[in-house]
C-alpha atoms as a PDB file:
ATOM      1  CA  MET A   1    -193.938  88.046  88.953  1.00  0.00           C
ATOM      2  CA  GLY A   2    -197.068  87.662  86.756  1.00  0.00           C
ATOM      3  CA  ARG A   3    -198.434  84.247  87.123  1.00  0.00           C
ATOM      4  CA  HIS A   4    -200.525  82.173  84.733  1.00  0.00           C
ATOM      5  CA  PRO A   5    -202.387  78.894  85.920  1.00  0.00           C
ATOM      6  CA  GLY A   6    -199.668  76.393  86.464  1.00  0.00           C
ATOM      7  CA  GLY A   7    -197.043  79.186  84.855  1.00  0.00           C
ATOM      8  CA  PRO A   8    -193.676  79.812  86.784  1.00  0.00           C
ATOM      9  CA  LEU A   9    -193.299  82.631  88.341  1.00  0.00           C
ATOM     10  CA  VAL A  10    -189.398  84.239  87.802  1.00  0.00           C
ATOM     11  CA  GLY A  11    -187.181  87.383  87.995  1.00  0.00           C
ATOM     12  CA  VAL A  12    -187.690  88.317  91.710  1.00  0.00           C
ATOM     13  CA  VAL A  13    -188.957  85.954  94.798  1.00  0.00           C
ATOM     14  CA  ARG A  14    -188.664  87.863  98.358  1.00  0.00           C
ATOM     15  CA  GLY A  15    -186.204  90.250  96.902  1.00  0.00           C
ATOM     16  CA  VAL A  16    -183.883  87.750  95.506  1.00  0.00           C
ATOM     17  CA  ILE A  17    -182.664  88.366  92.010  1.00  0.00           C
ATOM     18  CA  ASP A  18    -183.305  85.435  89.364  1.00  0.00           C
ATOM     19  CA  ARG A  19    -179.706  85.207  87.463  1.00  0.00           C
ATOM     20  CA  THR A  20    -181.680  83.380  84.534  1.00  0.00           C
ATOM     21  CA  TYR A  21    -183.273  86.844  84.208  1.00  0.00           C
ATOM     22  CA  PHE A  22    -180.886  89.507  84.989  1.00  0.00           C
ATOM     23  CA  PRO A  23    -177.299  87.790  83.905  1.00  0.00           C
ATOM     24  CA  ASP A  24    -174.511  89.803  84.516  1.00  0.00           C
ATOM     25  CA  SER A  25    -173.895  89.055  81.113  1.00  0.00           C
ATOM     26  CA  LEU A  26    -176.922  90.918  79.743  1.00  0.00           C
ATOM     27  CA  PRO A  27    -174.939  94.277  77.595  1.00  0.00           C
ATOM     28  CA  ILE A  28    -177.004  96.433  79.445  1.00  0.00           C
ATOM     29  CA  TYR A  29    -175.154  95.871  82.817  1.00  0.00           C
ATOM     30  CA  ALA A  30    -171.837  96.777  81.410  1.00  0.00           C
ATOM     31  CA  GLY A  31    -173.618  99.551  78.743  1.00  0.00           C
ATOM     32  CA  LEU A  32    -175.331 101.159  81.835  1.00  0.00           C
ATOM     33  CA  ARG A  33    -172.894 100.927  84.620  1.00  0.00           C
ATOM     34  CA  ARG A  34    -171.189 104.005  82.940  1.00  0.00           C
ATOM     35  CA  ALA A  35    -174.229 106.328  82.906  1.00  0.00           C
ATOM     36  CA  GLU A  36    -175.373 108.827  85.314  1.00  0.00           C
ATOM     37  CA  GLY A  37    -178.159 106.778  87.187  1.00  0.00           C
ATOM     38  CA  GLY A  38    -177.770 103.797  85.564  1.00  0.00           C
ATOM     39  CA  GLU A  39    -176.598 101.832  88.514  1.00  0.00           C
ATOM     40  CA  GLN A  40    -179.464 102.849  90.416  1.00  0.00           C
ATOM     41  CA  TRP A  41    -181.814 101.896  87.429  1.00  0.00           C
ATOM     42  CA  LEU A  42    -179.783  98.635  87.022  1.00  0.00           C
ATOM     43  CA  ALA A  43    -180.831  97.884  91.055  1.00  0.00           C
ATOM     44  CA  GLY A  44    -184.304  98.553  90.173  1.00  0.00           C
ATOM     45  CA  LEU A  45    -184.532  96.461  86.980  1.00  0.00           C
ATOM     46  CA  PRO A  46    -185.818  93.506  88.283  1.00  0.00           C
ATOM     47  CA  GLU A  47    -188.898  94.930  90.573  1.00  0.00           C
ATOM     48  CA  LEU A  48    -189.729  97.159  87.367  1.00  0.00           C
ATOM     49  CA  VAL A  49    -190.073  93.710  85.352  1.00  0.00           C
ATOM     50  CA  ARG A  50    -192.052  92.058  88.260  1.00  0.00           C
ATOM     51  CA  GLN A  51    -194.651  94.596  88.258  1.00  0.00           C
ATOM     52  CA  LEU A  52    -194.972  94.784  84.552  1.00  0.00           C
ATOM     53  CA  ALA A  53    -195.090  91.062  84.265  1.00  0.00           C
ATOM     54  CA  ASP A  54    -198.101  91.168  86.381  1.00  0.00           C
ATOM     55  CA  LYS A  55    -199.634  94.335  84.881  1.00  0.00           C
ATOM     56  CA  TRP A  56    -199.938  92.714  81.440  1.00  0.00           C
ATOM     57  CA  SER A  57    -200.353  88.925  83.149  1.00  0.00           C
ATOM     58  CA  LEU A  58    -197.408  87.959  81.405  1.00  0.00           C
ATOM     59  CA  ARG A  59    -195.514  84.718  81.557  1.00  0.00           C
ATOM     60  CA  LEU A  60    -191.843  85.527  80.701  1.00  0.00           C
ATOM     61  CA  GLU A  61    -188.932  83.410  79.504  1.00  0.00           C
ATOM     62  CA  PRO A  62    -185.013  84.495  79.839  1.00  0.00           C
ATOM     63  CA  PRO A  63    -183.954  87.326  77.785  1.00  0.00           C
ATOM     64  CA  PHE A  64    -182.437  88.177  74.897  1.00  0.00           C
ATOM     65  CA  HIS A  65    -178.988  88.462  75.267  1.00  0.00           C
ATOM     66  CA  GLY A  66    -178.491  91.819  73.024  1.00  0.00           C
ATOM     67  CA  GLY A  67    -178.778  95.493  73.123  1.00  0.00           C
ATOM     68  CA  SER A  68    -177.183  98.006  75.611  1.00  0.00           C
ATOM     69  CA  ALA A  69    -179.982 100.136  77.075  1.00  0.00           C
ATOM     70  CA  ALA A  70    -183.237  97.924  77.269  1.00  0.00           C
ATOM     71  CA  TRP A  71    -184.332  94.282  78.350  1.00  0.00           C
ATOM     72  CA  VAL A  72    -186.284  92.656  75.840  1.00  0.00           C
ATOM     73  CA  ALA A  73    -187.466  89.062  76.682  1.00  0.00           C
ATOM     74  CA  PRO A  74    -190.190  87.013  75.321  1.00  0.00           C
ATOM     75  CA  ALA A  75    -193.128  87.005  76.985  1.00  0.00           C
ATOM     76  CA  THR A  76    -196.798  84.826  76.359  1.00  0.00           C
ATOM     77  CA  LEU A  77    -200.710  86.691  77.183  1.00  0.00           C
ATOM     78  CA  PRO A  78    -202.810  85.194  79.205  1.00  0.00           C
ATOM     79  CA  ASP A  79    -204.708  83.906  75.871  1.00  0.00           C
ATOM     80  CA  GLY A  80    -201.377  82.579  74.357  1.00  0.00           C
ATOM     81  CA  THR A  81    -200.484  85.828  71.889  1.00  0.00           C
ATOM     82  CA  ALA A  82    -196.734  85.346  71.700  1.00  0.00           C
ATOM     83  CA  ALA A  83    -195.101  89.069  72.610  1.00  0.00           C
ATOM     84  CA  VAL A  84    -192.376  90.572  73.685  1.00  0.00           C
ATOM     85  CA  LEU A  85    -191.637  92.641  76.736  1.00  0.00           C
ATOM     86  CA  LYS A  86    -189.017  95.504  76.110  1.00  0.00           C
ATOM     87  CA  VAL A  87    -188.245  97.802  78.983  1.00  0.00           C
ATOM     88  CA  SER A  88    -185.822 100.849  78.322  1.00  0.00           C
ATOM     89  CA  TRP A  89    -183.393 102.714  80.029  1.00  0.00           C
ATOM     90  CA  PRO A  90    -184.868 106.091  79.992  1.00  0.00           C
ATOM     91  CA  HIS A  91    -183.033 107.990  77.616  1.00  0.00           C
ATOM     92  CA  ARG A  92    -184.177 110.758  74.355  1.00  0.00           C
ATOM     93  CA  GLU A  93    -184.183 108.219  71.533  1.00  0.00           C
ATOM     94  CA  ALA A  94    -186.313 105.603  73.146  1.00  0.00           C
ATOM     95  CA  ARG A  95    -189.220 108.201  74.356  1.00  0.00           C
ATOM     96  CA  GLU A  96    -191.107 108.311  71.114  1.00  0.00           C
ATOM     97  CA  GLU A  97    -190.437 104.973  69.668  1.00  0.00           C
ATOM     98  CA  ALA A  98    -194.430 103.319  70.679  1.00  0.00           C
ATOM     99  CA  THR A  99    -195.526 106.908  69.152  1.00  0.00           C
ATOM    100  CA  ALA A 100    -193.934 105.437  65.547  1.00  0.00           C
ATOM    101  CA  LEU A 101    -194.969 102.044  65.911  1.00  0.00           C
ATOM    102  CA  ARG A 102    -198.597 103.383  66.740  1.00  0.00           C
ATOM    103  CA  GLN A 103    -198.194 105.322  63.191  1.00  0.00           C
ATOM    104  CA  TRP A 104    -196.410 102.373  61.465  1.00  0.00           C
ATOM    105  CA  ASP A 105    -199.335 100.411  62.345  1.00  0.00           C
ATOM    106  CA  GLY A 106    -197.427  97.282  61.414  1.00  0.00           C
ATOM    107  CA  ARG A 107    -196.363  98.511  57.806  1.00  0.00           C
ATOM    108  CA  GLY A 108    -193.107  97.164  57.757  1.00  0.00           C
ATOM    109  CA  ALA A 109    -192.442  97.238  61.763  1.00  0.00           C
ATOM    110  CA  ILE A 110    -193.571  95.320  64.378  1.00  0.00           C
ATOM    111  CA  ARG A 111    -196.766  96.284  66.072  1.00  0.00           C
ATOM    112  CA  LEU A 112    -197.542  97.699  69.565  1.00  0.00           C
ATOM    113  CA  LEU A 113    -199.710  95.782  72.244  1.00  0.00           C
ATOM    114  CA  ALA A 114    -199.663  97.903  74.760  1.00  0.00           C
ATOM    115  CA  GLU A 115    -197.074 100.898  76.150  1.00  0.00           C
ATOM    116  CA  ASP A 116    -196.522 102.057  79.687  1.00  0.00           C
ATOM    117  CA  ARG A 117    -194.952 105.659  78.761  1.00  0.00           C
ATOM    118  CA  ASP A 118    -193.667 106.715  81.959  1.00  0.00           C
ATOM    119  CA  ARG A 119    -191.669 103.522  82.687  1.00  0.00           C
ATOM    120  CA  TYR A 120    -190.628 103.483  79.353  1.00  0.00           C
ATOM    121  CA  ALA A 121    -191.997 100.000  78.695  1.00  0.00           C
ATOM    122  CA  LEU A 122    -193.412  98.152  75.450  1.00  0.00           C
ATOM    123  CA  LEU A 123    -195.314  94.839  74.909  1.00  0.00           C
ATOM    124  CA  ILE A 124    -194.699  94.496  71.248  1.00  0.00           C
ATOM    125  CA  GLU A 125    -195.202  91.664  68.514  1.00  0.00           C
ATOM    126  CA  ARG A 126    -193.025  88.715  68.263  1.00  0.00           C
ATOM    127  CA  CYS A 127    -191.425  87.387  65.281  1.00  0.00           C
ATOM    128  CA  HIS A 128    -191.010  84.234  64.389  1.00  0.00           C
ATOM    129  CA  PRO A 129    -188.235  82.588  63.456  1.00  0.00           C
ATOM    130  CA  GLY A 130    -186.890  86.231  64.230  1.00  0.00           C
ATOM    131  CA  VAL A 131    -183.629  85.853  62.013  1.00  0.00           C
ATOM    132  CA  PRO A 132    -181.872  88.939  62.092  1.00  0.00           C
ATOM    133  CA  LEU A 133    -181.083  90.562  58.481  1.00  0.00           C
ATOM    134  CA  SER A 134    -177.211  90.828  59.769  1.00  0.00           C
ATOM    135  CA  THR A 135    -176.960  86.755  60.138  1.00  0.00           C
ATOM    136  CA  LEU A 136    -178.802  86.007  56.641  1.00  0.00           C
ATOM    137  CA  ASP A 137    -177.324  83.332  54.798  1.00  0.00           C
ATOM    138  CA  ALA A 138    -177.190  85.471  51.982  1.00  0.00           C
ATOM    139  CA  PRO A 139    -175.171  87.444  49.477  1.00  0.00           C
ATOM    140  CA  ALA A 140    -175.037  91.364  50.695  1.00  0.00           C
ATOM    141  CA  GLU A 141    -176.578  92.635  47.191  1.00  0.00           C
ATOM    142  CA  GLU A 142    -179.868  90.321  48.299  1.00  0.00           C
ATOM    143  CA  ARG A 143    -180.249  91.479  52.173  1.00  0.00           C
ATOM    144  CA  LEU A 144    -180.279  95.193  50.668  1.00  0.00           C
ATOM    145  CA  THR A 145    -183.023  94.563  48.577  1.00  0.00           C
ATOM    146  CA  ILE A 146    -184.563  93.025  51.659  1.00  0.00           C
ATOM    147  CA  ALA A 147    -183.876  96.146  53.576  1.00  0.00           C
ATOM    148  CA  ALA A 148    -184.954  98.387  51.239  1.00  0.00           C
ATOM    149  CA  THR A 149    -188.189  96.781  50.700  1.00  0.00           C
ATOM    150  CA  VAL A 150    -188.645  97.111  54.326  1.00  0.00           C
ATOM    151  CA  LEU A 151    -187.557 100.912  54.440  1.00  0.00           C
ATOM    152  CA  SER A 152    -189.849 101.802  51.690  1.00  0.00           C
ATOM    153  CA  ARG A 153    -192.739 100.801  53.453  1.00  0.00           C
ATOM    154  CA  LEU A 154    -191.428 102.901  56.594  1.00  0.00           C
ATOM    155  CA  TRP A 155    -191.256 105.536  54.741  1.00  0.00           C
ATOM    156  CA  THR A 156    -195.077 105.902  53.376  1.00  0.00           C
ATOM    157  CA  GLN A 157    -195.307 107.445  56.885  1.00  0.00           C
ATOM    158  CA  SER A 158    -195.752 111.326  56.160  1.00  0.00           C
ATOM    159  CA  ALA A 159    -193.983 113.284  58.897  1.00  0.00           C
ATOM    160  CA  THR A 160    -195.804 114.241  61.630  1.00  0.00           C
ATOM    161  CA  SER A 161    -195.658 116.172  64.978  1.00  0.00           C
ATOM    162  CA  GLY A 162    -194.433 114.639  68.241  1.00  0.00           C
ATOM    163  CA  PHE A 163    -191.291 113.465  66.836  1.00  0.00           C
ATOM    164  CA  GLU A 164    -187.924 115.387  66.831  1.00  0.00           C
ATOM    165  CA  LYS A 165    -186.279 116.598  63.779  1.00  0.00           C
ATOM    166  CA  VAL A 166    -183.227 115.103  62.351  1.00  0.00           C
ATOM    167  CA  ALA A 167    -182.247 118.851  61.577  1.00  0.00           C
ATOM    168  CA  ASP A 168    -182.019 119.514  64.980  1.00  0.00           C
ATOM    169  CA  VAL A 169    -180.594 116.548  66.370  1.00  0.00           C
ATOM    170  CA  THR A 170    -177.664 116.603  63.481  1.00  0.00           C
ATOM    171  CA  ALA A 171    -177.851 120.433  63.972  1.00  0.00           C
ATOM    172  CA  GLU A 172    -176.879 119.339  67.974  1.00  0.00           C
ATOM    173  CA  TRP A 173    -174.395 117.094  66.685  1.00  0.00           C
ATOM    174  CA  ALA A 174    -172.121 119.099  64.775  1.00  0.00           C
ATOM    175  CA  PRO A 175    -170.892 121.448  67.667  1.00  0.00           C
ATOM    176  CA  ILE A 176    -170.253 118.510  69.742  1.00  0.00           C
ATOM    177  CA  ALA A 177    -168.355 117.040  67.458  1.00  0.00           C
ATOM    178  CA  THR A 178    -166.095 119.859  66.545  1.00  0.00           C
ATOM    179  CA  GLU A 179    -165.247 120.120  70.515  1.00  0.00           C
ATOM    180  CA  ARG A 180    -164.562 116.862  70.708  1.00  0.00           C
ATOM    181  CA  MET A 181    -162.274 117.106  67.503  1.00  0.00           C
ATOM    182  CA  GLU A 182    -160.530 120.331  69.399  1.00  0.00           C
ATOM    183  CA  ARG A 183    -160.146 118.724  72.906  1.00  0.00           C
ATOM    184  CA  ILE A 184    -159.379 115.168  72.164  1.00  0.00           C
ATOM    185  CA  ARG A 185    -156.866 115.801  68.965  1.00  0.00           C
ATOM    186  CA  PRO A 186    -157.485 112.038  67.969  1.00  0.00           C
ATOM    187  CA  GLY A 187    -155.226 113.003  64.882  1.00  0.00           C
ATOM    188  CA  TYR A 188    -157.856 112.291  62.318  1.00  0.00           C
ATOM    189  CA  ASP A 189    -158.091 114.193  59.149  1.00  0.00           C
ATOM    190  CA  PRO A 190    -158.886 117.536  59.764  1.00  0.00           C
ATOM    191  CA  GLY A 191    -160.079 118.392  56.330  1.00  0.00           C
ATOM    192  CA  LEU A 192    -162.445 115.302  56.453  1.00  0.00           C
ATOM    193  CA  VAL A 193    -163.571 115.698  59.762  1.00  0.00           C
ATOM    194  CA  ARG A 194    -164.683 119.565  59.068  1.00  0.00           C
ATOM    195  CA  ARG A 195    -166.245 118.508  55.657  1.00  0.00           C
ATOM    196  CA  GLY A 196    -168.570 115.956  57.561  1.00  0.00           C
ATOM    197  CA  ILE A 197    -169.416 118.330  60.360  1.00  0.00           C
ATOM    198  CA  GLN A 198    -170.477 120.970  57.470  1.00  0.00           C
ATOM    199  CA  LEU A 199    -172.664 118.135  55.899  1.00  0.00           C
ATOM    200  CA  LEU A 200    -174.379 117.734  59.236  1.00  0.00           C
ATOM    201  CA  GLU A 201    -175.942 120.963  59.186  1.00  0.00           C
ATOM    202  CA  VAL A 202    -176.497 121.427  55.031  1.00  0.00           C
ATOM    203  CA  LEU A 203    -177.985 118.501  54.098  1.00  0.00           C
ATOM    204  CA  PRO A 204    -180.865 118.756  56.151  1.00  0.00           C
ATOM    205  CA  GLU A 205    -181.512 122.100  54.760  1.00  0.00           C
ATOM    206  CA  THR A 206    -181.408 120.454  51.149  1.00  0.00           C
ATOM    207  CA  ALA A 207    -184.160 117.798  51.749  1.00  0.00           C
ATOM    208  CA  THR A 208    -186.960 117.413  49.266  1.00  0.00           C
ATOM    209  CA  ARG A 209    -189.365 115.048  51.571  1.00  0.00           C
ATOM    210  CA  SER A 210    -189.737 114.931  54.972  1.00  0.00           C
ATOM    211  CA  VAL A 211    -190.774 111.123  56.776  1.00  0.00           C
ATOM    212  CA  LEU A 212    -191.119 109.441  60.016  1.00  0.00           C
ATOM    213  CA  VAL A 213    -187.215 107.715  59.656  1.00  0.00           C
ATOM    214  CA  HIS A 214    -186.300 104.610  61.700  1.00  0.00           C
ATOM    215  CA  GLY A 215    -183.362 105.973  63.186  1.00  0.00           C
ATOM    216  CA  ASP A 216    -181.309 103.040  63.386  1.00  0.00           C
ATOM    217  CA  PHE A 217    -182.123 100.910  60.297  1.00  0.00           C
ATOM    218  CA  ASN A 218    -178.897  98.581  61.008  1.00  0.00           C
ATOM    219  CA  PRO A 219    -178.860  94.623  59.959  1.00  0.00           C
ATOM    220  CA  GLY A 220    -179.590  93.452  63.152  1.00  0.00           C
ATOM    221  CA  ASN A 221    -182.697  95.085  63.429  1.00  0.00           C
ATOM    222  CA  VAL A 222    -184.762  93.954  60.670  1.00  0.00           C
ATOM    223  CA  LEU A 223    -186.144  90.345  61.510  1.00  0.00           C
ATOM    224  CA  SER A 224    -187.861  87.414  59.794  1.00  0.00           C
ATOM    225  CA  ALA A 225    -191.499  86.794  60.770  1.00  0.00           C
ATOM    226  CA  GLN A 226    -194.723  85.525  59.464  1.00  0.00           C
ATOM    227  CA  ARG A 227    -196.842  88.617  59.508  1.00  0.00           C
ATOM    228  CA  ALA A 228    -194.772  89.900  57.166  1.00  0.00           C
ATOM    229  CA  GLN A 229    -191.450  88.398  55.673  1.00  0.00           C
ATOM    230  CA  TRP A 230    -189.649  91.375  57.333  1.00  0.00           C
ATOM    231  CA  LEU A 231    -190.273  93.610  60.080  1.00  0.00           C
ATOM    232  CA  ALA A 232    -188.306  96.653  61.425  1.00  0.00           C
ATOM    233  CA  ILE A 233    -187.361  96.697  65.372  1.00  0.00           C
ATOM    234  CA  ASP A 234    -185.916  98.875  67.891  1.00  0.00           C
ATOM    235  CA  ALA A 235    -186.795 102.593  66.342  1.00  0.00           C
ATOM    236  CA  LYS A 236    -185.259 105.596  67.183  1.00  0.00           C
ATOM    237  CA  PRO A 237    -187.660 107.363  65.290  1.00  0.00           C
ATOM    238  CA  MET A 238    -187.311 111.341  64.097  1.00  0.00           C
ATOM    239  CA  ILE A 239    -189.065 113.182  61.005  1.00  0.00           C
ATOM    240  CA  GLY A 240    -187.024 114.714  58.322  1.00  0.00           C
ATOM    241  CA  ASP A 241    -184.472 113.376  55.214  1.00  0.00           C
ATOM    242  CA  PRO A 242    -185.107 110.216  54.291  1.00  0.00           C
ATOM    243  CA  GLY A 243    -181.104 109.585  53.089  1.00  0.00           C
ATOM    244  CA  TYR A 244    -180.453 109.876  57.042  1.00  0.00           C
ATOM    245  CA  ASP A 245    -182.193 106.304  57.505  1.00  0.00           C
ATOM    246  CA  PRO A 246    -179.996 103.639  55.118  1.00  0.00           C
ATOM    247  CA  CYS A 247    -176.467 104.350  56.821  1.00  0.00           C
ATOM    248  CA  PRO A 248    -175.865 101.329  59.196  1.00  0.00           C
ATOM    249  CA  MET A 249    -177.557  99.289  57.072  1.00  0.00           C
ATOM    250  CA  LEU A 250    -175.057  99.840  53.614  1.00  0.00           C
ATOM    251  CA  LEU A 251    -172.080 100.217  55.948  1.00  0.00           C
ATOM    252  CA  GLN A 252    -172.628  97.366  58.200  1.00  0.00           C
ATOM    253  CA  VAL A 253    -174.778  94.353  56.298  1.00  0.00           C
ATOM    254  CA  ASP A 254    -170.943  93.004  54.765  1.00  0.00           C
ATOM    255  CA  PRO A 255    -168.073  95.585  55.376  1.00  0.00           C
ATOM    256  CA  THR A 256    -166.354  96.577  52.650  1.00  0.00           C
ATOM    257  CA  THR A 257    -163.708  99.296  52.186  1.00  0.00           C
ATOM    258  CA  ASP A 258    -163.511  98.208  48.759  1.00  0.00           C
ATOM    259  CA  LYS A 259    -164.965 101.802  46.916  1.00  0.00           C
ATOM    260  CA  ALA A 260    -166.077  99.977  43.633  1.00  0.00           C
ATOM    261  CA  THR A 261    -168.008  97.682  46.224  1.00  0.00           C
ATOM    262  CA  LEU A 262    -169.438 100.439  48.237  1.00  0.00           C
ATOM    263  CA  ALA A 263    -170.120 102.414  45.322  1.00  0.00           C
ATOM    264  CA  GLU A 264    -172.380  99.708  43.564  1.00  0.00           C
ATOM    265  CA  ARG A 265    -174.124  99.137  46.827  1.00  0.00           C
ATOM    266  CA  PHE A 266    -175.338 102.750  47.288  1.00  0.00           C
ATOM    267  CA  GLY A 267    -175.895 103.021  43.598  1.00  0.00           C
ATOM    268  CA  LEU A 268    -178.451  99.450  44.067  1.00  0.00           C
ATOM    269  CA  PHE A 269    -179.714 100.742  47.397  1.00  0.00           C
ATOM    270  CA  GLY A 270    -180.890 104.328  46.047  1.00  0.00           C
ATOM    271  CA  GLU A 271    -182.492 102.711  43.056  1.00  0.00           C
ATOM    272  CA  LEU A 272    -184.802 100.440  44.913  1.00  0.00           C
ATOM    273  CA  VAL A 273    -185.619 103.435  47.486  1.00  0.00           C
ATOM    274  CA  GLY A 274    -186.055 106.289  44.992  1.00  0.00           C
ATOM    275  CA  GLU A 275    -183.340 108.579  46.560  1.00  0.00           C
ATOM    276  CA  PRO A 276    -180.435 109.457  44.830  1.00  0.00           C
ATOM    277  CA  ALA A 277    -177.394 107.357  45.723  1.00  0.00           C
ATOM    278  CA  GLU A 278    -174.470 110.215  45.947  1.00  0.00           C
ATOM    279  CA  ARG A 279    -177.171 111.537  48.986  1.00  0.00           C
ATOM    280  CA  LEU A 280    -176.976 108.381  50.915  1.00  0.00           C
ATOM    281  CA  VAL A 281    -173.323 108.745  50.391  1.00  0.00           C
ATOM    282  CA  ALA A 282    -173.399 112.463  51.459  1.00  0.00           C
ATOM    283  CA  TRP A 283    -175.377 111.171  55.184  1.00  0.00           C
ATOM    284  CA  SER A 284    -173.247 108.099  55.987  1.00  0.00           C
ATOM    285  CA  PHE A 285    -170.228 109.925  55.468  1.00  0.00           C
ATOM    286  CA  ALA A 286    -171.223 113.066  57.957  1.00  0.00           C
ATOM    287  CA  ARG A 287    -173.047 110.306  60.269  1.00  0.00           C
ATOM    288  CA  THR A 288    -169.646 108.378  60.301  1.00  0.00           C
ATOM    289  CA  VAL A 289    -167.265 111.063  60.838  1.00  0.00           C
ATOM    290  CA  GLU A 290    -169.433 111.989  63.748  1.00  0.00           C
ATOM    291  CA  ALA A 291    -169.608 108.453  64.928  1.00  0.00           C
ATOM    292  CA  ALA A 292    -165.309 108.031  64.876  1.00  0.00           C
ATOM    293  CA  LEU A 293    -165.799 111.438  67.013  1.00  0.00           C
ATOM    294  CA  TRP A 294    -168.161 109.803  69.534  1.00  0.00           C
ATOM    295  CA  SER A 295    -165.798 106.698  69.559  1.00  0.00           C
ATOM    296  CA  ALA A 296    -162.677 108.930  70.259  1.00  0.00           C
ATOM    297  CA  ASN A 297    -165.044 110.563  73.394  1.00  0.00           C
ATOM    298  CA  ARG A 298    -165.176 106.991  75.029  1.00  0.00           C
ATOM    299  CA  GLY A 299    -161.654 106.810  74.620  1.00  0.00           C
ATOM    300  CA  GLU A 300    -161.873 104.497  71.889  1.00  0.00           C
ATOM    301  CA  ILE A 301    -159.285 106.300  69.666  1.00  0.00           C
ATOM    302  CA  ASP A 302    -158.529 103.388  67.425  1.00  0.00           C
ATOM    303  CA  VAL A 303    -162.367 102.588  66.584  1.00  0.00           C
ATOM    304  CA  GLY A 304    -162.508 106.075  65.677  1.00  0.00           C
ATOM    305  CA  ALA A 305    -159.655 105.974  62.949  1.00  0.00           C
ATOM    306  CA  GLU A 306    -161.063 102.578  61.366  1.00  0.00           C
ATOM    307  CA  ASN A 307    -164.629 104.446  61.136  1.00  0.00           C
ATOM    308  CA  MET A 308    -162.177 107.676  59.862  1.00  0.00           C
ATOM    309  CA  VAL A 309    -161.002 104.855  57.053  1.00  0.00           C
ATOM    310  CA  THR A 310    -164.190 104.553  55.896  1.00  0.00           C
ATOM    311  CA  ALA A 311    -165.400 108.179  55.349  1.00  0.00           C
ATOM    312  CA  GLY A 312    -162.558 109.083  53.453  1.00  0.00           C
ATOM    313  CA  ILE A 313    -163.823 106.542  50.997  1.00  0.00           C
ATOM    314  CA  LEU A 314    -167.125 107.720  51.557  1.00  0.00           C
ATOM    315  CA  ALA A 315    -165.866 111.174  50.526  1.00  0.00           C
ATOM    316  CA  SER A 316    -163.517 110.081  47.462  1.00  0.00           C
ATOM    317  CA  LEU A 317    -167.428 108.809  46.161  1.00  0.00           C
ATOM    318  CA  LEU A 318    -168.173 112.259  46.236  1.00  0.00           C
ATOM    319  CA  ASP A 319    -165.349 113.609  44.671  1.00  0.00           C
END
């Protein structure tokens, strides 16, 4: 693996895996062993990391313990620049992350330093202190205000070619969710499910603008930084209706099933980002129904049932 003068050689030494850098406790090992080809990719991961560290002359530290589809670790460049090496399991959502980072060029998101597209590897800016918005000791309203500021900066990038469309992706989700409901019969409210699935198809058709969306804008994907106070990471970019983006932030920043609280939060966020609150609720409802059926398909019927409780509350906000 890449070595600085006097620096450590880490990861793979004569074919022996250093468990400091590739511990079995990393979420990717549990997550990807269920994926087709996952075991093979994981077996080759130490050598892949070694090659990338050599390519970019990196000194690596042990990886961050998080993420189920990528190996991510602090890195230092030969000139002392602090960076992060991210090696993703090759999958559809990760394909254009670097493309989006180039277009944002640091506006609301971390900067891209280098990419190895064929190996789904990114060398990116390191956030310091790197505190996730999910762990910030502040009221939900304050954290949502921070999130809205970041998301508004990301949305200033107009839609361009080279990305999947939100409309195409949700149009794929709709029949898949229908099939899962019919096959699994998880006991979820069929009327709520039908309504959510219909919105997956209808909402993109009524969008008034199209932007480069983050795609996974949850509280763990916004980090404190120095260049800007807060920056987004781990994008799964698409182009389309900005209303698609806020759902995970609004529902995860401080989870609640209190209808009045949710109404207040959607109203606040909609005002801050310049989008109708009702539209943000509708997207969140549709995405929550889809997530419930996704969980059911994994055998997690109870998790899906919890999602459907939230979906019911969101639906009531639309009535």
